[in-house]
Amino acid sequence: MNKTLMQQIVSLESVFAAALIAMFYVSVGGYDWYWLILAFPIFDISMIGYALNPKHGAATYNLGHSIIGPAILSAVYVFTDINWMLFVALLWLFHIFVDRALGYGLKHATSFRHTHLGPIGKSKKK
């Protein structure tokens, strides 16, 4: 695992962000911590586009792993106080930041293994 200093910093930032979100989720949101684990795999359904091809896969994956979605949900929650929006937004953000801490970034259309954080998997070894 040969990460550059920049990749290590981004990974560490993502660990801290995930931890802060988890603390906010439990202490401010008042939600049960186990939902962070139970709901974690749900957001990876966004990989479904890879069943067609890498271009569609990258589009659907990036849609599910961009901070834009949970940011919009959070903003709507602030103005409407609809509790499930905060619940989903925090779960979603937690998932994104844990993925980024592990090196899974937004995908390029060429391959699942090419991310904005650098190559992953077998591509990393080349």
C-alpha atoms as a PDB file:
ATOM      1  CA  MET A   1       0.000   0.000   0.000  1.00  0.00           C
ATOM      2  CA  ASN A   2       2.055   2.872  -1.312  1.00  0.00           C
ATOM      3  CA  LYS A   3      -0.006   6.023  -0.744  1.00  0.00           C
ATOM      4  CA  THR A   4       1.339   9.453  -1.514  1.00  0.00           C
ATOM      5  CA  LEU A   5       1.290  12.076   1.225  1.00  0.00           C
ATOM      6  CA  MET A   6      -1.671  13.755  -0.492  1.00  0.00           C
ATOM      7  CA  GLN A   7      -3.631  10.477  -0.551  1.00  0.00           C
ATOM      8  CA  GLN A   8      -2.816   9.886   3.127  1.00  0.00           C
ATOM      9  CA  ILE A   9      -4.068  13.363   4.029  1.00  0.00           C
ATOM     10  CA  VAL A  10      -7.316  12.888   2.068  1.00  0.00           C
ATOM     11  CA  SER A  11      -7.786   9.487   3.687  1.00  0.00           C
ATOM     12  CA  LEU A  12      -7.209  10.888   7.177  1.00  0.00           C
ATOM     13  CA  GLU A  13      -9.603  13.786   6.514  1.00  0.00           C
ATOM     14  CA  SER A  14     -12.220  11.269   5.424  1.00  0.00           C
ATOM     15  CA  VAL A  15     -11.728   9.211   8.603  1.00  0.00           C
ATOM     16  CA  PHE A  16     -12.275  12.334  10.703  1.00  0.00           C
ATOM     17  CA  ALA A  17     -15.311  13.367   8.641  1.00  0.00           C
ATOM     18  CA  ALA A  18     -16.865   9.891   9.006  1.00  0.00           C
ATOM     19  CA  ALA A  19     -16.230   9.961  12.765  1.00  0.00           C
ATOM     20  CA  LEU A  20     -17.765  13.435  13.134  1.00  0.00           C
ATOM     21  CA  ILE A  21     -20.792  12.408  11.101  1.00  0.00           C
ATOM     22  CA  ALA A  22     -21.223   9.281  13.245  1.00  0.00           C
ATOM     23  CA  MET A  23     -21.049  11.360  16.428  1.00  0.00           C
ATOM     24  CA  PHE A  24     -23.513  13.924  15.048  1.00  0.00           C
ATOM     25  CA  TYR A  25     -25.782  11.083  13.885  1.00  0.00           C
ATOM     26  CA  VAL A  26     -26.021   9.644  17.394  1.00  0.00           C
ATOM     27  CA  SER A  27     -25.758  12.703  19.629  1.00  0.00           C
ATOM     28  CA  VAL A  28     -27.622  15.392  17.678  1.00  0.00           C
ATOM     29  CA  GLY A  29     -29.786  13.267  15.404  1.00  0.00           C
ATOM     30  CA  GLY A  30     -30.595  10.871  18.254  1.00  0.00           C
ATOM     31  CA  TYR A  31     -30.478   7.881  15.914  1.00  0.00           C
ATOM     32  CA  ASP A  32     -29.307   4.398  16.872  1.00  0.00           C
ATOM     33  CA  TRP A  33     -25.643   3.814  15.943  1.00  0.00           C
ATOM     34  CA  TYR A  34     -26.261   0.368  14.442  1.00  0.00           C
ATOM     35  CA  TRP A  35     -28.044   1.920  11.446  1.00  0.00           C
ATOM     36  CA  LEU A  36     -24.668   3.259  10.314  1.00  0.00           C
ATOM     37  CA  ILE A  37     -23.553  -0.357   9.853  1.00  0.00           C
ATOM     38  CA  LEU A  38     -26.840  -1.907   8.693  1.00  0.00           C
ATOM     39  CA  ALA A  39     -27.512   0.728   6.030  1.00  0.00           C
ATOM     40  CA  PHE A  40     -23.899   1.001   4.866  1.00  0.00           C
ATOM     41  CA  PRO A  41     -24.163  -1.428   1.896  1.00  0.00           C
ATOM     42  CA  ILE A  42     -27.406   0.109   0.603  1.00  0.00           C
ATOM     43  CA  PHE A  43     -25.605   3.016  -1.057  1.00  0.00           C
ATOM     44  CA  ASP A  44     -23.449   0.645  -3.106  1.00  0.00           C
ATOM     45  CA  ILE A  45     -26.526  -0.234  -5.149  1.00  0.00           C
ATOM     46  CA  SER A  46     -25.355   2.732  -7.209  1.00  0.00           C
ATOM     47  CA  MET A  47     -22.841   0.345  -8.813  1.00  0.00           C
ATOM     48  CA  ILE A  48     -25.715  -1.177 -10.785  1.00  0.00           C
ATOM     49  CA  GLY A  49     -24.720   0.785 -13.891  1.00  0.00           C
ATOM     50  CA  TYR A  50     -21.591  -1.354 -14.202  1.00  0.00           C
ATOM     51  CA  ALA A  51     -23.891  -4.159 -15.356  1.00  0.00           C
ATOM     52  CA  LEU A  52     -24.198  -2.193 -18.625  1.00  0.00           C
ATOM     53  CA  ASN A  53     -20.701  -0.766 -19.081  1.00  0.00           C
ATOM     54  CA  PRO A  54     -18.049   1.322 -17.302  1.00  0.00           C
ATOM     55  CA  LYS A  55     -19.459   4.625 -18.583  1.00  0.00           C
ATOM     56  CA  HIS A  56     -22.928   3.985 -17.139  1.00  0.00           C
ATOM     57  CA  GLY A  57     -21.369   2.446 -14.046  1.00  0.00           C
ATOM     58  CA  ALA A  58     -19.263   5.518 -13.360  1.00  0.00           C
ATOM     59  CA  ALA A  59     -22.309   7.762 -13.800  1.00  0.00           C
ATOM     60  CA  THR A  60     -24.527   5.813 -11.393  1.00  0.00           C
ATOM     61  CA  TYR A  61     -21.720   5.185  -8.910  1.00  0.00           C
ATOM     62  CA  ASN A  62     -20.734   8.860  -8.865  1.00  0.00           C
ATOM     63  CA  LEU A  63     -24.365   9.882  -8.431  1.00  0.00           C
ATOM     64  CA  GLY A  64     -24.527   7.716  -5.315  1.00  0.00           C
ATOM     65  CA  HIS A  65     -21.112   8.702  -3.992  1.00  0.00           C
ATOM     66  CA  SER A  66     -21.090  12.449  -4.543  1.00  0.00           C
ATOM     67  CA  ILE A  67     -21.629  14.758  -1.592  1.00  0.00           C
ATOM     68  CA  ILE A  68     -24.192  16.710  -3.623  1.00  0.00           C
ATOM     69  CA  GLY A  69     -27.079  14.302  -2.893  1.00  0.00           C
ATOM     70  CA  PRO A  70     -26.777  14.288   0.896  1.00  0.00           C
ATOM     71  CA  ALA A  71     -26.066  18.045   0.872  1.00  0.00           C
ATOM     72  CA  ILE A  72     -29.364  18.668  -0.932  1.00  0.00           C
ATOM     73  CA  LEU A  73     -31.208  16.383   1.504  1.00  0.00           C
ATOM     74  CA  SER A  74     -29.616  18.214   4.433  1.00  0.00           C
ATOM     75  CA  ALA A  75     -30.601  21.603   3.037  1.00  0.00           C
ATOM     76  CA  VAL A  76     -34.187  20.476   2.501  1.00  0.00           C
ATOM     77  CA  TYR A  77     -34.228  19.093   6.054  1.00  0.00           C
ATOM     78  CA  VAL A  78     -33.117  22.468   7.451  1.00  0.00           C
ATOM     79  CA  PHE A  79     -36.079  24.193   5.797  1.00  0.00           C
ATOM     80  CA  THR A  80     -38.705  21.480   6.307  1.00  0.00           C
ATOM     81  CA  ASP A  81     -37.669  19.608   9.468  1.00  0.00           C
ATOM     82  CA  ILE A  82     -38.597  16.301   7.779  1.00  0.00           C
ATOM     83  CA  ASN A  83     -36.651  13.920  10.015  1.00  0.00           C
ATOM     84  CA  TRP A  84     -36.057  11.072   7.554  1.00  0.00           C
ATOM     85  CA  MET A  85     -34.108  13.454   5.309  1.00  0.00           C
ATOM     86  CA  LEU A  86     -31.516  14.066   8.016  1.00  0.00           C
ATOM     87  CA  PHE A  87     -31.440  10.340   8.814  1.00  0.00           C
ATOM     88  CA  VAL A  88     -30.696   9.414   5.182  1.00  0.00           C
ATOM     89  CA  ALA A  89     -28.319  12.334   4.561  1.00  0.00           C
ATOM     90  CA  LEU A  90     -26.132  11.408   7.531  1.00  0.00           C
ATOM     91  CA  LEU A  91     -26.099   7.703   6.623  1.00  0.00           C
ATOM     92  CA  TRP A  92     -25.199   8.643   3.063  1.00  0.00           C
ATOM     93  CA  LEU A  93     -22.412  11.019   4.110  1.00  0.00           C
ATOM     94  CA  PHE A  94     -21.016   8.414   6.497  1.00  0.00           C
ATOM     95  CA  HIS A  95     -20.892   5.884   3.653  1.00  0.00           C
ATOM     96  CA  ILE A  96     -19.186   8.330   1.294  1.00  0.00           C
ATOM     97  CA  PHE A  97     -16.487   9.305   3.777  1.00  0.00           C
ATOM     98  CA  VAL A  98     -15.755   5.726   4.853  1.00  0.00           C
ATOM     99  CA  ASP A  99     -15.392   4.790   1.174  1.00  0.00           C
ATOM    100  CA  ARG A 100     -13.067   7.730   0.578  1.00  0.00           C
ATOM    101  CA  ALA A 101     -11.022   6.837   3.664  1.00  0.00           C
ATOM    102  CA  LEU A 102     -10.538   3.396   2.107  1.00  0.00           C
ATOM    103  CA  GLY A 103      -9.463   4.957  -1.194  1.00  0.00           C
ATOM    104  CA  TYR A 104     -12.684   4.477  -3.149  1.00  0.00           C
ATOM    105  CA  GLY A 105     -13.141   7.773  -4.915  1.00  0.00           C
ATOM    106  CA  LEU A 106     -15.436   8.953  -7.669  1.00  0.00           C
ATOM    107  CA  LYS A 107     -15.004   6.816 -10.773  1.00  0.00           C
ATOM    108  CA  HIS A 108     -13.673   7.656 -14.203  1.00  0.00           C
ATOM    109  CA  ALA A 109     -15.657   6.278 -17.158  1.00  0.00           C
ATOM    110  CA  THR A 110     -12.744   4.057 -18.221  1.00  0.00           C
ATOM    111  CA  SER A 111     -12.887   1.537 -15.383  1.00  0.00           C
ATOM    112  CA  PHE A 112     -14.183   0.926 -11.858  1.00  0.00           C
ATOM    113  CA  ARG A 113     -10.578   0.817 -10.721  1.00  0.00           C
ATOM    114  CA  HIS A 114      -9.763   4.357 -11.880  1.00  0.00           C
ATOM    115  CA  THR A 115     -10.862   6.907  -9.284  1.00  0.00           C
ATOM    116  CA  HIS A 116     -10.265  10.568  -8.551  1.00  0.00           C
ATOM    117  CA  LEU A 117      -8.182   9.436  -5.564  1.00  0.00           C
ATOM    118  CA  GLY A 118      -5.957   7.237  -7.729  1.00  0.00           C
ATOM    119  CA  PRO A 119      -6.065   3.625  -8.880  1.00  0.00           C
ATOM    120  CA  ILE A 120      -7.508   0.878  -6.691  1.00  0.00           C
ATOM    121  CA  GLY A 121      -7.223  -2.898  -6.757  1.00  0.00           C
ATOM    122  CA  LYS A 122      -5.088  -4.507  -9.423  1.00  0.00           C
ATOM    123  CA  SER A 123      -4.642  -1.155 -11.208  1.00  0.00           C
ATOM    124  CA  LYS A 124      -2.762   0.152  -8.167  1.00  0.00           C
ATOM    125  CA  LYS A 125       0.002  -2.417  -8.614  1.00  0.00           C
ATOM    126  CA  LYS A 126       0.832  -1.376 -12.160  1.00  0.00           C
END
